[in-house]
Amino acid sequence: MTPRPAPVVTEQICNAFVTAADELLRRRAGLIAESDIDDFIALGWMDWDAGSLRITPLGQMALLRIRSRVAAVA
């Protein structure tokens, strides 16, 4: 299987990632769109760990940057 190229990081992907992270915290990973999960995995922001979706260290750093950027605008 050929690996999927990483998507371009857009505001839409960033917003979806923040929402997905919130859903994971609430233990509602089933509400995250599969296409979004594929994008987050391709970016290295999430991965599967023993059948559970988790945010990677790279994803945690991205989440901090996204949230701080949003807070600076607000």
C-alpha atoms as a PDB file:
ATOM      1  CA  MET A   1       0.000   0.000   0.000  1.00  0.00           C
ATOM      2  CA  THR A   2       1.413   3.390  -0.987  1.00  0.00           C
ATOM      3  CA  PRO A   3       1.569   5.884   1.879  1.00  0.00           C
ATOM      4  CA  ARG A   4      -0.749   8.803   1.562  1.00  0.00           C
ATOM      5  CA  PRO A   5       0.971  12.196   1.188  1.00  0.00           C
ATOM      6  CA  ALA A   6       0.557  14.576   4.101  1.00  0.00           C
ATOM      7  CA  PRO A   7      -2.183  17.127   3.523  1.00  0.00           C
ATOM      8  CA  VAL A   8      -1.493  20.840   3.455  1.00  0.00           C
ATOM      9  CA  VAL A   9      -2.092  22.336   6.885  1.00  0.00           C
ATOM     10  CA  THR A  10      -4.988  24.745   6.507  1.00  0.00           C
ATOM     11  CA  GLU A  11      -7.109  26.632   8.983  1.00  0.00           C
ATOM     12  CA  GLN A  12      -9.847  24.075   8.368  1.00  0.00           C
ATOM     13  CA  ILE A  13      -7.554  21.165   9.320  1.00  0.00           C
ATOM     14  CA  CYS A  14      -6.347  23.062  12.393  1.00  0.00           C
ATOM     15  CA  ASN A  15      -9.918  23.740  13.521  1.00  0.00           C
ATOM     16  CA  ALA A  16     -10.882  20.115  12.914  1.00  0.00           C
ATOM     17  CA  PHE A  17      -7.864  18.978  14.940  1.00  0.00           C
ATOM     18  CA  VAL A  18      -8.852  21.102  17.938  1.00  0.00           C
ATOM     19  CA  THR A  19     -12.371  19.671  17.755  1.00  0.00           C
ATOM     20  CA  ALA A  20     -11.019  16.125  17.406  1.00  0.00           C
ATOM     21  CA  ALA A  21      -8.719  16.586  20.413  1.00  0.00           C
ATOM     22  CA  ASP A  22     -11.699  17.751  22.467  1.00  0.00           C
ATOM     23  CA  GLU A  23     -13.695  14.691  21.363  1.00  0.00           C
ATOM     24  CA  LEU A  24     -10.832  12.397  22.387  1.00  0.00           C
ATOM     25  CA  LEU A  25     -10.743  13.998  25.828  1.00  0.00           C
ATOM     26  CA  ARG A  26     -14.470  13.308  26.134  1.00  0.00           C
ATOM     27  CA  ARG A  27     -13.894   9.712  24.973  1.00  0.00           C
ATOM     28  CA  ARG A  28     -16.005  10.259  21.855  1.00  0.00           C
ATOM     29  CA  ALA A  29     -13.519   9.345  19.126  1.00  0.00           C
ATOM     30  CA  GLY A  30     -16.389   7.856  17.133  1.00  0.00           C
ATOM     31  CA  LEU A  31     -17.569  11.387  16.334  1.00  0.00           C
ATOM     32  CA  ILE A  32     -14.324  12.246  14.502  1.00  0.00           C
ATOM     33  CA  ALA A  33     -14.648  11.931  10.721  1.00  0.00           C
ATOM     34  CA  GLU A  34     -12.527   9.130   9.239  1.00  0.00           C
ATOM     35  CA  SER A  35     -11.135  11.472   6.602  1.00  0.00           C
ATOM     36  CA  ASP A  36      -9.980  13.842   9.373  1.00  0.00           C
ATOM     37  CA  ILE A  37      -8.331  10.956  11.223  1.00  0.00           C
ATOM     38  CA  ASP A  38      -6.520  10.006   8.018  1.00  0.00           C
ATOM     39  CA  ASP A  39      -5.278  13.593   7.651  1.00  0.00           C
ATOM     40  CA  PHE A  40      -4.126  13.793  11.273  1.00  0.00           C
ATOM     41  CA  ILE A  41      -2.278  10.485  10.980  1.00  0.00           C
ATOM     42  CA  ALA A  42      -0.635  11.616   7.717  1.00  0.00           C
ATOM     43  CA  LEU A  43       0.508  14.799   9.484  1.00  0.00           C
ATOM     44  CA  GLY A  44       1.872  12.785  12.411  1.00  0.00           C
ATOM     45  CA  TRP A  45      -0.538  14.462  14.821  1.00  0.00           C
ATOM     46  CA  MET A  46      -2.391  11.255  15.768  1.00  0.00           C
ATOM     47  CA  ASP A  47      -1.779   7.541  15.620  1.00  0.00           C
ATOM     48  CA  TRP A  48      -3.330   4.273  16.677  1.00  0.00           C
ATOM     49  CA  ASP A  49      -2.063   2.743  19.910  1.00  0.00           C
ATOM     50  CA  ALA A  50      -3.410  -0.709  20.824  1.00  0.00           C
ATOM     51  CA  GLY A  51      -6.664   0.032  19.014  1.00  0.00           C
ATOM     52  CA  SER A  52      -7.109   3.493  20.515  1.00  0.00           C
ATOM     53  CA  LEU A  53      -6.631   6.772  18.749  1.00  0.00           C
ATOM     54  CA  ARG A  54      -4.169   9.067  20.493  1.00  0.00           C
ATOM     55  CA  ILE A  55      -2.506  12.408  19.954  1.00  0.00           C
ATOM     56  CA  THR A  56       1.229  12.106  19.315  1.00  0.00           C
ATOM     57  CA  PRO A  57       3.838  14.378  20.924  1.00  0.00           C
ATOM     58  CA  LEU A  58       4.030  16.228  17.591  1.00  0.00           C
ATOM     59  CA  GLY A  59       0.248  16.569  17.667  1.00  0.00           C
ATOM     60  CA  GLN A  60       0.376  17.922  21.214  1.00  0.00           C
ATOM     61  CA  MET A  61       2.842  20.591  20.094  1.00  0.00           C
ATOM     62  CA  ALA A  62       0.663  21.443  17.079  1.00  0.00           C
ATOM     63  CA  LEU A  63      -2.391  21.665  19.328  1.00  0.00           C
ATOM     64  CA  LEU A  64      -0.608  24.093  21.668  1.00  0.00           C
ATOM     65  CA  ARG A  65       0.422  26.266  18.718  1.00  0.00           C
ATOM     66  CA  ILE A  66      -3.065  26.229  17.210  1.00  0.00           C
ATOM     67  CA  ARG A  67      -4.746  27.060  20.519  1.00  0.00           C
ATOM     68  CA  SER A  68      -2.269  29.833  21.332  1.00  0.00           C
ATOM     69  CA  ARG A  69      -2.773  31.336  17.871  1.00  0.00           C
ATOM     70  CA  VAL A  70      -6.548  31.254  18.332  1.00  0.00           C
ATOM     71  CA  ALA A  71      -6.233  32.812  21.803  1.00  0.00           C
ATOM     72  CA  ALA A  72      -4.044  35.603  20.421  1.00  0.00           C
ATOM     73  CA  VAL A  73      -6.696  36.485  17.834  1.00  0.00           C
ATOM     74  CA  ALA A  74      -9.583  36.458  20.322  1.00  0.00           C
END
